[in-house]
Amino acid sequence: MTSAFSILNPGFHPATVFDADARAFLQAAGIVYGGIYYPDTPYEIGGSGLWSALNRLVKGLKDSGVWWKLGFWYPLIGGTAFSHKWNLRDPRDTNDAFRQEFVGSPLHAATGIDWNGTTQYALSHLTPAGVSTEETGVAMGYYSREDIIAPGEIDMGSNNTPSQSLLLVTKGTDGRPAARNAGSSMYGEAGPGYGHFMTSSFGTGTPAALYRDTVQLVSQPFEGLLPTNILTIGGLLIFDVLYGTTRECGTAWYAKQGLTPVELAAIEQLNREFQLALNRYVV
């Protein structure tokens, strides 16, 4: 008997074993196994390739133990606002599942999301203080595909006050990456604005660190309070003013607690393999 799933996904081989969470995301995002995506571009790929890449990502996140610590992970595949909005960790179409809500119509493409830096961003619907605590810390990451200085600098974050703020900057106006974990600001040495920028902390009084790929750039104690406002991707809203980025986003994620260097290295490796499979890894 032919299943409804096989009819909707031509070319699907019933013997193929896919993780249930990977399958739930791909079905929600409308990624057809037998389809062709981004035709006549350097990023052309079959739906089966997207399924395989996403399945390996999910299995890797679970094998590393990171999966259960995530609040959201946006793989940004499919090339449309619809396919890009879904949260891999919880692919329900509701605010409490932290699916993205796009503001200002950013540009969606095979490689991710491009923002204009002034009016475009995404609401994650996740509030750091709502899912994390100052005692357990937080971690988050932004995979930037461009080495440019953005007008508003900030790639993702949430803010109430300077001492109650989270943010990640892959390349500031001075060329340096930066992060703020609650009330602690950190600045790395000037370098490329592309790459996988990550920040992690384990709670009040413990070191918070900023990474580019697997290299720790800077560390200092975590202090202050977690913000209660919604975390945004593509910029940071401060009193209704957007401090936005124009660096294309290939992936963004948030963990509800601090992650170890080993876990961050696993995330970096998994993201690298995922971006390579999609031919959109930037070196």
Protein backbone atom coordinates (compact mmCIF):
# COMPACT_ATOMS: atom_id res chain seq x y z
CA MET A 1 0.00 0.00 0.00
CA THR A 2 1.24 3.52 -0.84
CA SER A 3 1.19 5.83 2.15
CA ALA A 4 0.04 9.45 2.11
CA PHE A 5 3.58 10.41 3.15
CA SER A 6 5.06 8.67 0.07
CA ILE A 7 2.58 10.43 -2.21
CA LEU A 8 3.57 13.83 -0.77
CA ASN A 9 7.28 12.96 -0.89
CA PRO A 10 8.01 11.31 -4.26
CA GLY A 11 11.31 9.46 -4.37
CA PHE A 12 11.21 8.64 -0.65
CA HIS A 13 12.63 5.21 0.07
CA PRO A 14 10.64 3.50 2.85
CA ALA A 15 13.77 1.71 4.12
CA THR A 16 15.49 5.02 4.85
CA VAL A 17 15.66 5.68 8.59
CA PHE A 18 15.04 9.29 9.55
CA ASP A 19 14.97 10.68 13.05
CA ALA A 20 11.40 11.47 14.09
CA ASP A 21 12.26 15.05 15.09
CA ALA A 22 14.09 15.65 11.82
CA ARG A 23 11.11 14.33 9.88
CA ALA A 24 8.67 16.51 11.87
CA PHE A 25 10.68 19.64 11.03
CA LEU A 26 11.07 18.79 7.33
CA GLN A 27 7.37 18.09 6.96
CA ALA A 28 6.43 21.32 8.75
CA ALA A 29 8.83 23.31 6.54
CA GLY A 30 7.40 21.71 3.40
CA ILE A 31 10.70 20.19 2.23
CA VAL A 32 9.71 17.52 -0.31
CA TYR A 33 12.04 14.53 -0.43
CA GLY A 34 11.81 14.17 -4.22
CA GLY A 35 11.89 17.91 -4.96
CA ILE A 36 14.61 20.10 -6.47
CA TYR A 37 15.63 23.23 -4.55
CA TYR A 38 17.41 26.37 -5.75
CA PRO A 39 17.53 25.16 -9.41
CA ASP A 40 20.06 26.68 -11.81
CA THR A 41 22.09 28.18 -8.93
CA PRO A 42 25.37 27.05 -7.34
CA TYR A 43 23.25 25.82 -4.42
CA GLU A 44 20.97 23.47 -6.37
CA ILE A 45 20.17 20.41 -4.28
CA GLY A 46 17.58 17.67 -4.21
CA GLY A 47 15.08 17.39 -1.43
CA SER A 48 16.72 14.08 -0.50
CA GLY A 49 19.97 15.99 0.09
CA LEU A 50 18.23 18.42 2.43
CA TRP A 51 16.59 15.54 4.26
CA SER A 52 19.90 13.73 4.71
CA ALA A 53 21.79 16.86 5.85
CA LEU A 54 19.11 17.84 8.35
CA ASN A 55 18.84 14.27 9.64
CA ARG A 56 22.60 14.12 10.30
CA LEU A 57 22.41 17.47 12.10
CA VAL A 58 19.63 16.31 14.43
CA LYS A 59 21.33 13.01 15.19
CA GLY A 60 24.59 14.81 15.90
CA LEU A 61 22.92 17.29 18.25
CA LYS A 62 21.36 14.39 20.12
CA ASP A 63 24.57 12.35 20.25
CA SER A 64 26.39 15.37 21.73
CA GLY A 65 23.69 15.92 24.35
CA VAL A 66 23.05 19.48 23.11
CA TRP A 67 19.61 18.78 21.61
CA TRP A 68 17.79 18.74 24.95
CA LYS A 69 19.39 22.04 26.02
CA LEU A 70 18.25 24.02 22.97
CA GLY A 71 15.50 26.62 23.02
CA PHE A 72 15.66 27.10 19.27
CA TRP A 73 17.77 26.20 16.24
CA TYR A 74 16.92 27.77 12.88
CA PRO A 75 18.49 25.73 10.03
CA LEU A 76 17.14 28.14 7.36
CA ILE A 77 16.61 25.71 4.50
CA GLY A 78 14.11 25.87 1.65
CA GLY A 79 14.79 29.47 0.65
CA THR A 80 11.44 31.02 1.63
CA ALA A 81 9.99 32.92 4.56
CA PHE A 82 7.70 29.96 5.21
CA SER A 83 10.45 27.33 5.28
CA HIS A 84 12.83 29.56 7.26
CA LYS A 85 10.50 30.36 10.14
CA TRP A 86 10.48 26.93 11.75
CA ASN A 87 12.30 25.96 14.94
CA LEU A 88 14.09 22.64 14.50
CA ARG A 89 13.77 21.89 18.22
CA ASP A 90 9.97 22.36 18.24
CA PRO A 91 8.38 22.69 14.77
CA ARG A 92 4.92 23.80 15.87
CA ASP A 93 3.43 26.93 14.32
CA THR A 94 2.97 28.76 17.62
CA ASN A 95 4.76 31.50 19.53
CA ASP A 96 5.54 29.19 22.45
CA ALA A 97 7.39 26.89 20.02
CA PHE A 98 9.69 29.84 19.21
CA ARG A 99 9.08 29.85 15.49
CA GLN A 100 10.33 33.01 13.84
CA GLU A 101 8.09 35.94 12.92
CA PHE A 102 9.71 38.14 10.27
CA VAL A 103 9.40 41.92 10.37
CA GLY A 104 10.10 44.15 7.36
CA SER A 105 10.33 41.35 4.77
CA PRO A 106 14.01 40.32 4.89
CA LEU A 107 15.43 38.55 1.82
CA HIS A 108 15.16 34.75 1.93
CA ALA A 109 17.45 32.68 -0.28
CA ALA A 110 19.23 29.33 -0.60
CA THR A 111 22.02 30.61 1.64
CA GLY A 112 19.88 31.93 4.50
CA ILE A 113 18.44 35.34 5.38
CA ASP A 114 19.75 38.78 4.38
CA TRP A 115 18.73 41.79 6.49
CA ASN A 116 18.85 45.47 5.53
CA GLY A 117 20.12 46.57 8.95
CA THR A 118 17.43 49.20 9.51
CA THR A 119 13.91 47.75 9.36
CA GLN A 120 14.27 43.97 9.03
CA TYR A 121 14.59 41.41 11.80
CA ALA A 122 12.90 38.30 13.23
CA LEU A 123 11.11 37.78 16.53
CA SER A 124 12.04 34.45 18.09
CA HIS A 125 9.28 34.76 20.72
CA LEU A 126 11.78 33.41 23.25
CA THR A 127 12.51 35.54 26.30
CA PRO A 128 15.84 34.65 27.95
CA ALA A 129 14.50 35.19 31.47
CA GLY A 130 11.55 32.97 30.63
CA VAL A 131 13.59 29.88 29.73
CA SER A 132 16.97 30.41 31.45
CA THR A 133 18.24 31.49 34.85
CA GLU A 134 21.21 33.53 36.05
CA GLU A 135 22.36 30.42 37.93
CA THR A 136 22.55 28.09 34.90
CA GLY A 137 23.59 30.64 32.27
CA VAL A 138 22.87 30.69 28.55
CA ALA A 139 24.52 30.09 25.18
CA MET A 140 23.71 31.29 21.68
CA GLY A 141 25.21 31.37 18.21
CA TYR A 142 24.97 33.15 14.85
CA TYR A 143 26.52 31.76 11.68
CA SER A 144 27.47 34.83 9.63
CA ARG A 145 28.20 34.43 5.92
CA GLU A 146 29.57 37.93 5.27
CA ASP A 147 32.64 39.91 6.31
CA ILE A 148 31.08 43.36 6.48
CA ILE A 149 30.53 46.01 9.14
CA ALA A 150 26.79 46.45 9.66
CA PRO A 151 25.21 49.85 10.43
CA GLY A 152 23.64 48.81 13.72
CA GLU A 153 26.28 46.17 14.47
CA ILE A 154 24.18 43.67 16.45
CA ASP A 155 23.32 40.27 14.93
CA MET A 156 21.00 38.91 17.64
CA GLY A 157 19.96 39.75 21.17
CA SER A 158 17.49 40.83 23.82
CA ASN A 159 17.63 43.96 25.97
CA ASN A 160 15.94 45.61 28.95
CA THR A 161 18.81 47.74 30.29
CA PRO A 162 22.63 47.66 29.89
CA SER A 163 22.84 45.39 32.94
CA GLN A 164 19.98 43.19 31.73
CA SER A 165 20.97 42.36 28.17
CA LEU A 166 22.16 39.57 25.86
CA LEU A 167 23.68 40.30 22.46
CA LEU A 168 26.09 38.97 19.87
CA VAL A 169 28.10 41.08 17.39
CA THR A 170 30.20 39.28 14.77
CA LYS A 171 31.94 42.48 13.60
CA GLY A 172 31.49 45.89 15.22
CA THR A 173 32.26 49.28 13.72
CA ASP A 174 35.79 48.91 15.09
CA GLY A 175 36.14 45.53 13.39
CA ARG A 176 35.91 43.59 16.65
CA PRO A 177 33.39 40.87 17.60
CA ALA A 178 31.54 41.36 20.87
CA ALA A 179 29.03 39.80 23.21
CA ARG A 180 27.07 40.81 26.29
CA ASN A 181 25.96 38.18 28.78
CA ALA A 182 23.54 39.90 31.19
CA GLY A 183 25.70 42.83 32.36
CA SER A 184 29.11 41.65 31.11
CA SER A 185 30.46 43.01 27.81
CA MET A 186 33.30 41.20 25.99
CA TYR A 187 35.31 42.27 22.95
CA GLY A 188 37.56 40.08 20.84
CA GLU A 189 40.40 41.12 18.56
CA ALA A 190 39.45 42.53 15.14
CA GLY A 191 38.98 39.83 12.51
CA PRO A 192 36.65 38.48 9.81
CA GLY A 193 32.93 39.05 10.30
CA TYR A 194 32.01 35.71 8.76
CA GLY A 195 32.05 32.44 10.68
CA HIS A 196 30.19 30.77 13.53
CA PHE A 197 30.16 33.16 16.48
CA MET A 198 29.08 31.68 19.80
CA THR A 199 28.86 32.87 23.38
CA SER A 200 28.29 30.78 26.50
CA SER A 201 28.19 31.28 30.25
CA PHE A 202 27.44 29.08 33.25
CA GLY A 203 25.84 31.61 35.52
CA THR A 204 26.62 34.46 37.88
CA GLY A 205 30.28 34.74 38.81
CA THR A 206 31.47 32.07 36.33
CA PRO A 207 33.37 32.87 33.12
CA ALA A 208 31.41 33.85 30.02
CA ALA A 209 33.25 33.33 26.75
CA LEU A 210 33.03 34.47 23.12
CA TYR A 211 34.08 32.14 20.32
CA ARG A 212 34.61 32.33 16.57
CA ASP A 213 34.29 28.78 15.28
CA THR A 214 36.37 26.76 17.79
CA VAL A 215 38.65 29.62 18.89
CA GLN A 216 37.91 31.32 22.22
CA LEU A 217 38.38 35.05 21.66
CA VAL A 218 37.80 36.45 25.14
CA SER A 219 36.35 35.54 28.55
CA GLN A 220 35.12 37.40 31.62
CA PRO A 221 32.72 36.79 34.57
CA PHE A 222 28.99 36.58 33.94
CA GLU A 223 27.15 39.31 35.87
CA GLY A 224 23.74 40.98 35.85
CA LEU A 225 20.22 39.83 35.01
CA LEU A 226 18.74 38.06 32.01
CA PRO A 227 16.41 40.21 29.87
CA THR A 228 12.65 39.67 29.81
CA ASN A 229 12.12 41.02 26.28
CA ILE A 230 11.88 38.81 23.19
CA LEU A 231 15.20 37.78 21.65
CA THR A 232 15.48 38.98 18.04
CA ILE A 233 17.56 37.76 15.10
CA GLY A 234 18.98 40.22 12.58
CA GLY A 235 19.40 42.99 15.13
CA LEU A 236 18.49 44.16 18.61
CA LEU A 237 15.58 46.37 19.57
CA ILE A 238 16.48 49.01 22.17
CA PHE A 239 13.51 51.22 23.07
CA ASP A 240 11.89 50.41 19.69
CA VAL A 241 15.04 51.40 17.77
CA LEU A 242 16.61 48.58 15.72
CA TYR A 243 20.37 48.17 15.89
CA GLY A 244 20.49 45.82 12.95
CA THR A 245 22.91 43.73 10.94
CA THR A 246 23.38 43.30 7.18
CA ARG A 247 25.42 40.11 7.63
CA GLU A 248 23.57 37.18 6.10
CA CYS A 249 22.47 34.56 8.62
CA GLY A 250 23.02 30.89 7.76
CA THR A 251 21.94 29.54 11.16
CA ALA A 252 21.00 30.95 14.56
CA TRP A 253 20.48 29.06 17.81
CA TYR A 254 19.89 29.51 21.54
CA ALA A 255 20.60 27.10 24.41
CA LYS A 256 18.69 27.47 27.65
CA GLN A 257 21.81 26.92 29.74
CA GLY A 258 25.56 27.30 29.43
CA LEU A 259 27.42 24.90 27.14
CA THR A 260 30.89 23.48 27.71
CA PRO A 261 33.78 24.01 25.27
CA VAL A 262 33.32 20.38 24.20
CA GLU A 263 29.64 20.96 23.44
CA LEU A 264 30.41 24.18 21.56
CA ALA A 265 33.05 22.35 19.51
CA ALA A 266 30.45 19.71 18.65
CA ILE A 267 27.99 22.41 17.57
CA GLU A 268 30.65 24.06 15.41
CA GLN A 269 31.54 20.76 13.73
CA LEU A 270 27.89 19.87 13.13
CA ASN A 271 27.11 23.31 11.70
CA ARG A 272 30.19 23.15 9.46
CA GLU A 273 29.16 19.75 8.09
CA PHE A 274 25.60 20.98 7.58
CA GLN A 275 26.68 24.13 5.71
CA LEU A 276 29.14 22.13 3.58
CA ALA A 277 26.39 19.68 2.61
CA LEU A 278 24.34 22.67 1.41
CA ASN A 279 27.37 24.21 -0.39
CA ARG A 280 27.06 27.40 1.65
CA TYR A 281 30.00 27.13 4.04
CA VAL A 282 32.13 30.30 3.96
CA VAL A 283 35.89 30.15 4.46
